[in-house]
Amino acid sequence: MRQYRLLIFGFALVFIIFGCDSGGSDDTSPETGAAILTLNNLSPLPGDYHLEGWVVTSDLATLSLGKFTVGSGGRLFNLAGEELATRRLDTQFPLDSARIAYITIEPPGDVDDSPSMTRLMGGLFIEGSAELRTTDVEGIEDALVLARGNYIIETPTNGPNSFEQSGIWFVNLTGGPPARGLRITTPIPGWKHQGWVDIDGIPLNMGVISHHSQPDDSNIYSGSQPGYNYPGEDFLVNAPPSLTFPLSLAGTRVTVSLEPDPDPDPERSQLILFEATVPETPESIGTTYDMTNQVDTWPTGRMVIVQQ
């Protein structure tokens, strides 16, 4: 098993869910039990967004284990504000029927019994225990683990040889003509990507990346000339307060994050997919730099089914 290091917060929660007795006298009735959930390194969600736990049973039924939020210090609460450390909720599945566990991010006001598309982490039960990771959510495993990223330092939107250290584009030039610098094999349901540069420790949004072979949705800082047909930004005009453009990107941190879709928070999420530091003295135009895949740093969890 891959080992995961601490990202932002560390906490462990025991989320106990007791099963219901059938009320009958049939000794052959399936046993029900408790689900014990431990989450590690998960940051609080913004606003009224919340988490929900789910189990898929052997007959393919999807059952909710309850809604909860992350509070300060890593504590979890149900939507009534009660801490889940002592909260007991009924389960409706036999002890040996759980096959898949996962956690979703749910929007404010959600009252239905259906999971959202934004699955934060998941895993298969093996002998009653499921290790939960974002990389184990069905359909996105390879898209995250095999993802690769590159970037170049250049400012195409103001013409050649002008403030070239003020632009960053997710482009790969090693093979000749420009190619996409973000290589993810499949779309990720319920999620989107976003580029950032850290200026004086503050992440500056480069725009939402809807497709890795097309420009992102923002060019508010770029010049008037065409840029690459890939995500990126020149930091030349319309500087935010406290910043001065053109902006030198030498030595800055650049990231691509995985953000919920819809995204409740204008700030960068803790799910950093790619990360790199621009060299203090970037090389000549045309140099392609590698980014590091960061999925090993993401929050994890564990769900164990035990007899009541």
Foldseek 3Di string as FASTA:
>chain_A
DQAFDAFAAFDWAFQWEAADDPPDDPPPDFFAFIKTKTWTRADWAPDQKWKWKWFQWQVRDIFTPAIWTADPRRWIAHPVRHTRNPDYHYDYDGLPTTFKMWMAIGDPPDDDGDGALGTQWMATDDPQKGKIAPLHPPPQVQQQPVKWFKKFQAAPQPHPPDLSQQKMFGWACPVPPTDFGIDGPDDRTQKWKWKWKADPNATDTQATAPDQQAEHPDAPQHHHHDDHRGYMYGRADDDDPPDDPPDGQAFIKMFMAIAGVVHPDPGGGSGTQWIDTHHNDHDDGSDMDITDGDSSHDMMMMMGRDGD
